[in-house]
PDB file of N, CA and C in Angstrom:
ATOM      1  N   MET A   1       4.676  -4.129 -22.619  1.00  0.00           N
ATOM      2  CA  MET A   1       5.141  -4.807 -21.715  1.00  0.00           C
ATOM      3  C   MET A   1       5.285  -4.412 -20.603  1.00  0.00           C
ATOM      4  N   GLU A   2       4.758  -4.897 -18.674  1.00  0.00           N
ATOM      5  CA  GLU A   2       5.311  -3.902 -17.752  1.00  0.00           C
ATOM      6  C   GLU A   2       6.182  -4.585 -17.442  1.00  0.00           C
ATOM      7  N   ASP A   3       7.400  -3.594 -16.656  1.00  0.00           N
ATOM      8  CA  ASP A   3       8.488  -3.730 -16.281  1.00  0.00           C
ATOM      9  C   ASP A   3       8.324  -4.230 -14.895  1.00  0.00           C
ATOM     10  N   ASN A   4       9.253  -5.036 -14.218  1.00  0.00           N
ATOM     11  CA  ASN A   4       8.670  -5.614 -13.071  1.00  0.00           C
ATOM     12  C   ASN A   4       8.749  -4.694 -11.817  1.00  0.00           C
ATOM     13  N   LYS A   5       9.135  -3.311 -12.221  1.00  0.00           N
ATOM     14  CA  LYS A   5       9.283  -2.482 -10.581  1.00  0.00           C
ATOM     15  C   LYS A   5       7.527  -2.030 -11.313  1.00  0.00           C
ATOM     16  N   THR A   6       7.040  -2.079 -12.147  1.00  0.00           N
ATOM     17  CA  THR A   6       5.358  -1.835 -12.258  1.00  0.00           C
ATOM     18  C   THR A   6       4.620  -2.866 -11.806  1.00  0.00           C
ATOM     19  N   ILE A   7       5.094  -4.300 -12.054  1.00  0.00           N
ATOM     20  CA  ILE A   7       4.198  -5.474 -11.565  1.00  0.00           C
ATOM     21  C   ILE A   7       4.394  -5.347  -9.848  1.00  0.00           C
ATOM     22  N   TYR A   8       5.486  -4.891  -9.537  1.00  0.00           N
ATOM     23  CA  TYR A   8       5.849  -5.223  -8.166  1.00  0.00           C
ATOM     24  C   TYR A   8       4.774  -3.784  -7.343  1.00  0.00           C
ATOM     25  N   ARG A   9       4.759  -2.801  -7.963  1.00  0.00           N
ATOM     26  CA  ARG A   9       3.826  -1.741  -7.264  1.00  0.00           C
ATOM     27  C   ARG A   9       2.556  -2.170  -7.563  1.00  0.00           C
ATOM     28  N   ALA A  10       2.047  -2.341  -8.317  1.00  0.00           N
ATOM     29  CA  ALA A  10       0.347  -2.824  -8.288  1.00  0.00           C
ATOM     30  C   ALA A  10       0.228  -4.146  -7.724  1.00  0.00           C
ATOM     31  N   GLU A  11       1.326  -4.657  -7.548  1.00  0.00           N
ATOM     32  CA  GLU A  11       0.574  -5.963  -6.509  1.00  0.00           C
ATOM     33  C   GLU A  11       0.929  -5.615  -4.961  1.00  0.00           C
ATOM     34  N   ILE A  12       1.830  -4.877  -4.535  1.00  0.00           N
ATOM     35  CA  ILE A  12       2.066  -4.086  -3.289  1.00  0.00           C
ATOM     36  C   ILE A  12       0.150  -3.102  -2.790  1.00  0.00           C
ATOM     37  N   GLY A  13      -0.303  -2.775  -4.270  1.00  0.00           N
ATOM     38  CA  GLY A  13      -1.403  -1.740  -4.014  1.00  0.00           C
ATOM     39  C   GLY A  13      -2.170  -2.440  -4.078  1.00  0.00           C
ATOM     40  N   ARG A  14      -2.306  -3.485  -4.401  1.00  0.00           N
ATOM     41  CA  ARG A  14      -3.463  -4.328  -4.615  1.00  0.00           C
ATOM     42  C   ARG A  14      -3.612  -5.229  -3.473  1.00  0.00           C
ATOM     43  N   GLN A  15      -2.493  -5.454  -2.534  1.00  0.00           N
ATOM     44  CA  GLN A  15      -2.701  -6.016  -1.138  1.00  0.00           C
ATOM     45  C   GLN A  15      -3.620  -5.096   0.032  1.00  0.00           C
ATOM     46  N   LEU A  16      -2.653  -3.999  -0.128  1.00  0.00           N
ATOM     47  CA  LEU A  16      -3.440  -2.834   1.054  1.00  0.00           C
ATOM     48  C   LEU A  16      -4.520  -2.441   0.768  1.00  0.00           C
ATOM     49  N   ALA A  17      -4.941  -2.235  -0.708  1.00  0.00           N
ATOM     50  CA  ALA A  17      -6.338  -1.994  -0.860  1.00  0.00           C
ATOM     51  C   ALA A  17      -7.199  -2.998  -0.295  1.00  0.00           C
ATOM     52  N   GLU A  18      -7.162  -4.138  -1.073  1.00  0.00           N
ATOM     53  CA  GLU A  18      -7.746  -5.627  -0.246  1.00  0.00           C
ATOM     54  C   GLU A  18      -7.893  -5.779   0.909  1.00  0.00           C
ATOM     55  N   LEU A  19      -6.804  -5.222   1.794  1.00  0.00           N
ATOM     56  CA  LEU A  19      -6.096  -5.147   3.228  1.00  0.00           C
ATOM     57  C   LEU A  19      -7.090  -4.270   4.239  1.00  0.00           C
ATOM     58  N   ARG A  20      -7.532  -2.939   3.364  1.00  0.00           N
ATOM     59  CA  ARG A  20      -8.024  -1.918   4.611  1.00  0.00           C
ATOM     60  C   ARG A  20      -9.570  -1.854   3.807  1.00  0.00           C
ATOM     61  N   SER A  21      -9.838  -2.702   2.392  1.00  0.00           N
ATOM     62  CA  SER A  21     -11.578  -2.852   2.931  1.00  0.00           C
ATOM     63  C   SER A  21     -12.166  -3.849   3.563  1.00  0.00           C
ATOM     64  N   LYS A  22     -11.022  -4.558   3.588  1.00  0.00           N
ATOM     65  CA  LYS A  22     -10.995  -6.108   5.099  1.00  0.00           C
ATOM     66  C   LYS A  22     -11.372  -5.592   6.053  1.00  0.00           C
ATOM     67  N   LYS A  23     -10.565  -4.339   6.441  1.00  0.00           N
ATOM     68  CA  LYS A  23     -10.521  -3.372   7.954  1.00  0.00           C
ATOM     69  C   LYS A  23     -11.582  -2.614   7.718  1.00  0.00           C
ATOM     70  N   GLY A  24     -12.639  -2.341   6.284  1.00  0.00           N
ATOM     71  CA  GLY A  24     -13.921  -1.588   6.422  1.00  0.00           C
ATOM     72  C   GLY A  24     -13.207   0.083   6.599  1.00  0.00           C
ATOM     73  N   LEU A  25     -12.036   0.212   6.094  1.00  0.00           N
ATOM     74  CA  LEU A  25     -11.302   1.803   6.415  1.00  0.00           C
ATOM     75  C   LEU A  25     -11.419   2.476   4.899  1.00  0.00           C
ATOM     76  N   THR A  26     -11.687   3.628   4.572  1.00  0.00           N
ATOM     77  CA  THR A  26     -11.521   4.282   3.781  1.00  0.00           C
ATOM     78  C   THR A  26     -10.271   4.452   3.235  1.00  0.00           C
ATOM     79  N   ALA A  27      -9.680   5.324   2.582  1.00  0.00           N
ATOM     80  CA  ALA A  27      -7.935   5.846   1.764  1.00  0.00           C
ATOM     81  C   ALA A  27      -8.168   7.172   2.748  1.00  0.00           C
ATOM     82  N   GLN A  28      -9.243   7.501   2.874  1.00  0.00           N
ATOM     83  CA  GLN A  28      -9.080   8.791   3.828  1.00  0.00           C
ATOM     84  C   GLN A  28      -8.549   8.821   5.412  1.00  0.00           C
ATOM     85  N   GLN A  29      -9.191   7.616   5.777  1.00  0.00           N
ATOM     86  CA  GLN A  29      -8.807   7.340   7.332  1.00  0.00           C
ATOM     87  C   GLN A  29      -7.672   6.915   7.378  1.00  0.00           C
ATOM     88  N   VAL A  30      -7.466   5.889   6.317  1.00  0.00           N
ATOM     89  CA  VAL A  30      -5.830   5.451   6.393  1.00  0.00           C
ATOM     90  C   VAL A  30      -5.201   6.480   5.906  1.00  0.00           C
ATOM     91  N   ALA A  31      -5.472   7.384   5.383  1.00  0.00           N
ATOM     92  CA  ALA A  31      -4.057   9.034   5.066  1.00  0.00           C
ATOM     93  C   ALA A  31      -4.244   9.706   6.206  1.00  0.00           C
ATOM     94  N   ASP A  32      -5.649  10.067   7.313  1.00  0.00           N
ATOM     95  CA  ASP A  32      -5.544  10.546   8.224  1.00  0.00           C
ATOM     96  C   ASP A  32      -4.682  10.122   9.317  1.00  0.00           C
ATOM     97  N   LEU A  33      -4.594   8.570   9.132  1.00  0.00           N
ATOM     98  CA  LEU A  33      -3.679   7.672  10.339  1.00  0.00           C
ATOM     99  C   LEU A  33      -2.783   7.483  10.356  1.00  0.00           C
ATOM    100  N   SER A  34      -2.218   7.617   9.161  1.00  0.00           N
ATOM    101  CA  SER A  34      -1.081   7.571   8.379  1.00  0.00           C
ATOM    102  C   SER A  34       0.043   8.849   8.430  1.00  0.00           C
ATOM    103  N   GLY A  35      -1.007  10.067   7.955  1.00  0.00           N
ATOM    104  CA  GLY A  35      -0.021  11.157   7.974  1.00  0.00           C
ATOM    105  C   GLY A  35       0.430  10.654   6.559  1.00  0.00           C
ATOM    106  N   ILE A  36      -0.424  10.379   6.115  1.00  0.00           N
ATOM    107  CA  ILE A  36      -0.152  10.952   4.277  1.00  0.00           C
ATOM    108  C   ILE A  36      -1.390  11.066   3.784  1.00  0.00           C
ATOM    109  N   ASN A  37      -1.321  12.035   2.714  1.00  0.00           N
ATOM    110  CA  ASN A  37      -2.002  12.216   2.058  1.00  0.00           C
ATOM    111  C   ASN A  37      -2.853  11.344   1.231  1.00  0.00           C
ATOM    112  N   ARG A  38      -4.512  11.510   1.435  1.00  0.00           N
ATOM    113  CA  ARG A  38      -5.111  10.879   0.167  1.00  0.00           C
ATOM    114  C   ARG A  38      -4.712  10.549  -0.899  1.00  0.00           C
ATOM    115  N   VAL A  39      -4.342  11.704  -1.777  1.00  0.00           N
ATOM    116  CA  VAL A  39      -4.117  11.096  -2.754  1.00  0.00           C
ATOM    117  C   VAL A  39      -2.879   9.860  -3.230  1.00  0.00           C
ATOM    118  N   ASN A  40      -2.063   9.968  -2.218  1.00  0.00           N
ATOM    119  CA  ASN A  40      -1.036   9.361  -2.260  1.00  0.00           C
ATOM    120  C   ASN A  40      -1.216   7.904  -1.741  1.00  0.00           C
ATOM    121  N   VAL A  41      -1.917   8.035  -0.650  1.00  0.00           N
ATOM    122  CA  VAL A  41      -2.821   6.347  -0.222  1.00  0.00           C
ATOM    123  C   VAL A  41      -3.514   6.080  -1.700  1.00  0.00           C
ATOM    124  N   SER A  42      -4.335   6.329  -2.756  1.00  0.00           N
ATOM    125  CA  SER A  42      -5.439   6.120  -3.877  1.00  0.00           C
ATOM    126  C   SER A  42      -3.901   5.654  -4.755  1.00  0.00           C
ATOM    127  N   LYS A  43      -2.894   6.006  -4.791  1.00  0.00           N
ATOM    128  CA  LYS A  43      -1.516   6.418  -6.016  1.00  0.00           C
ATOM    129  C   LYS A  43      -0.832   4.764  -5.571  1.00  0.00           C
ATOM    130  N   ILE A  44      -0.903   4.707  -4.199  1.00  0.00           N
ATOM    131  CA  ILE A  44      -0.266   3.520  -3.563  1.00  0.00           C
ATOM    132  C   ILE A  44      -1.209   2.022  -4.402  1.00  0.00           C
ATOM    133  N   GLU A  45      -2.037   2.545  -3.407  1.00  0.00           N
ATOM    134  CA  GLU A  45      -3.166   1.037  -4.409  1.00  0.00           C
ATOM    135  C   GLU A  45      -3.887   0.637  -5.731  1.00  0.00           C
ATOM    136  N   THR A  46      -3.038   1.982  -6.620  1.00  0.00           N
ATOM    137  CA  THR A  46      -3.387   1.625  -7.998  1.00  0.00           C
ATOM    138  C   THR A  46      -1.778   1.650  -8.610  1.00  0.00           C
ATOM    139  N   GLY A  47      -0.760   1.084  -7.793  1.00  0.00           N
ATOM    140  CA  GLY A  47       0.278   0.879  -8.494  1.00  0.00           C
ATOM    141  C   GLY A  47       0.705   2.133  -9.090  1.00  0.00           C
ATOM    142  N   ALA A  48       0.596   3.149  -8.511  1.00  0.00           N
ATOM    143  CA  ALA A  48       1.313   4.395  -9.750  1.00  0.00           C
ATOM    144  C   ALA A  48       1.791   5.367  -8.764  1.00  0.00           C
ATOM    145  N   TYR A  49       2.482   5.078  -7.078  1.00  0.00           N
ATOM    146  CA  TYR A  49       3.227   5.710  -6.631  1.00  0.00           C
ATOM    147  C   TYR A  49       4.568   4.873  -6.616  1.00  0.00           C
ATOM    148  N   ASN A  50       5.694   5.002  -6.488  1.00  0.00           N
ATOM    149  CA  ASN A  50       6.797   4.471  -6.317  1.00  0.00           C
ATOM    150  C   ASN A  50       7.171   4.988  -4.743  1.00  0.00           C
ATOM    151  N   VAL A  51       6.155   4.252  -3.664  1.00  0.00           N
ATOM    152  CA  VAL A  51       6.201   4.413  -2.114  1.00  0.00           C
ATOM    153  C   VAL A  51       7.964   3.777  -1.898  1.00  0.00           C
ATOM    154  N   SER A  52       7.892   5.041  -0.859  1.00  0.00           N
ATOM    155  CA  SER A  52       9.390   4.573  -0.036  1.00  0.00           C
ATOM    156  C   SER A  52       8.554   3.333   1.526  1.00  0.00           C
ATOM    157  N   VAL A  53       9.672   2.752   1.425  1.00  0.00           N
ATOM    158  CA  VAL A  53       9.923   1.737   2.925  1.00  0.00           C
ATOM    159  C   VAL A  53       9.267   2.521   3.816  1.00  0.00           C
ATOM    160  N   ASP A  54       9.665   3.407   4.278  1.00  0.00           N
ATOM    161  CA  ASP A  54       9.120   4.345   5.722  1.00  0.00           C
ATOM    162  C   ASP A  54       7.516   4.808   5.331  1.00  0.00           C
ATOM    163  N   ILE A  55       7.418   4.591   4.218  1.00  0.00           N
ATOM    164  CA  ILE A  55       5.657   5.213   3.954  1.00  0.00           C
ATOM    165  C   ILE A  55       5.090   3.741   4.020  1.00  0.00           C
ATOM    166  N   LEU A  56       5.475   3.389   3.164  1.00  0.00           N
ATOM    167  CA  LEU A  56       4.688   1.258   2.971  1.00  0.00           C
ATOM    168  C   LEU A  56       4.337   1.268   4.364  1.00  0.00           C
ATOM    169  N   GLY A  57       5.365   1.494   5.656  1.00  0.00           N
ATOM    170  CA  GLY A  57       5.576   0.546   7.036  1.00  0.00           C
ATOM    171  C   GLY A  57       4.681   1.219   7.739  1.00  0.00           C
ATOM    172  N   ARG A  58       3.831   3.022   7.208  1.00  0.00           N
ATOM    173  CA  ARG A  58       3.532   3.444   7.914  1.00  0.00           C
ATOM    174  C   ARG A  58       1.760   3.114   7.996  1.00  0.00           C
ATOM    175  N   VAL A  59       1.818   2.963   6.439  1.00  0.00           N
ATOM    176  CA  VAL A  59       0.190   2.517   5.713  1.00  0.00           C
ATOM    177  C   VAL A  59       0.072   1.344   6.749  1.00  0.00           C
ATOM    178  N   CYS A  60       1.407   0.302   6.690  1.00  0.00           N
ATOM    179  CA  CYS A  60       1.110  -1.245   7.504  1.00  0.00           C
ATOM    180  C   CYS A  60       1.148  -1.248   8.640  1.00  0.00           C
ATOM    181  N   GLU A  61       0.947  -0.030   9.601  1.00  0.00           N
ATOM    182  CA  GLU A  61       1.023  -0.157  10.501  1.00  0.00           C
ATOM    183  C   GLU A  61      -0.313   0.010  10.800  1.00  0.00           C
ATOM    184  N   VAL A  62      -1.114   0.969  10.008  1.00  0.00           N
ATOM    185  CA  VAL A  62      -2.430   1.469  10.447  1.00  0.00           C
ATOM    186  C   VAL A  62      -3.182   0.211  10.245  1.00  0.00           C
ATOM    187  N   LEU A  63      -2.998  -0.832   8.833  1.00  0.00           N
ATOM    188  CA  LEU A  63      -3.857  -1.703   8.860  1.00  0.00           C
ATOM    189  C   LEU A  63      -3.435  -2.956   9.555  1.00  0.00           C
ATOM    190  N   GLY A  64      -2.822  -2.717  10.494  1.00  0.00           N
ATOM    191  CA  GLY A  64      -2.320  -3.832  11.015  1.00  0.00           C
ATOM    192  C   GLY A  64      -1.829  -5.118  10.519  1.00  0.00           C
ATOM    193  N   ALA A  65      -0.758  -4.580   9.736  1.00  0.00           N
ATOM    194  CA  ALA A  65       0.411  -5.885   8.826  1.00  0.00           C
ATOM    195  C   ALA A  65       1.697  -5.075   8.961  1.00  0.00           C
ATOM    196  N   ARG A  66       2.343  -6.442   8.260  1.00  0.00           N
ATOM    197  CA  ARG A  66       3.064  -6.154   8.324  1.00  0.00           C
ATOM    198  C   ARG A  66       4.655  -6.408   7.160  1.00  0.00           C
ATOM    199  N   LEU A  67       5.327  -5.949   7.035  1.00  0.00           N
ATOM    200  CA  LEU A  67       6.212  -5.903   5.498  1.00  0.00           C
ATOM    201  C   LEU A  67       7.688  -7.530   6.101  1.00  0.00           C
ATOM    202  N   LYS A  68       7.169  -8.232   4.982  1.00  0.00           N
ATOM    203  CA  LYS A  68       7.936  -8.998   4.950  1.00  0.00           C
ATOM    204  C   LYS A  68       8.314 -10.269   3.298  1.00  0.00           C
ATOM    205  N   ILE A  69       9.797  -9.967   3.413  1.00  0.00           N
ATOM    206  CA  ILE A  69      10.162 -10.833   2.188  1.00  0.00           C
ATOM    207  C   ILE A  69      10.301 -12.252   1.769  1.00  0.00           C
ATOM    208  N   VAL A  70       9.059 -12.533   0.801  1.00  0.00           N
ATOM    209  CA  VAL A  70       9.196 -14.346   0.853  1.00  0.00           C
ATOM    210  C   VAL A  70      10.186 -14.540  -0.245  1.00  0.00           C
ATOM    211  N   GLU A  71      10.268 -15.635  -0.505  1.00  0.00           N
ATOM    212  CA  GLU A  71      11.561 -16.173  -1.110  1.00  0.00           C
ATOM    213  C   GLU A  71      10.133 -17.212  -2.372  1.00  0.00           C
ATOM    214  N   ASN A  72      10.574 -16.792  -3.517  1.00  0.00           N
ATOM    215  CA  ASN A  72       9.115 -17.160  -4.681  1.00  0.00           C
ATOM    216  C   ASN A  72       9.153 -18.542  -4.417  1.00  0.00           C
ATOM    217  N   GLU A  73       8.372 -19.559  -5.060  1.00  0.00           N
ATOM    218  CA  GLU A  73       7.910 -20.437  -4.649  1.00  0.00           C
ATOM    219  C   GLU A  73       8.506 -21.371  -5.809  1.00  0.00           C
TER     220      GLU A  73
END
C-alpha cells in the first residue's frame, strides 16, 4: 500500500506532466528553462523524486503555473 507521501508526489508529478504537455514543451525544454537536470524533471513527473518547494516553484514558473494549497472537499 502506498503511503501518503508517495501519493502526493505522484499527483504533483501527474499535474506537472499534464501541464507541460498542454504547453507543448518537452522535459528537456522544462529542464533547460528551469535550470534543473532533465532526469530530475522526469523523476518529478513520475513521482519518483521528493522535490523541494524551491525546485517545484522554478518548474511552475516555466509552466506558467503557481503553487496553491487547497482545503479538501
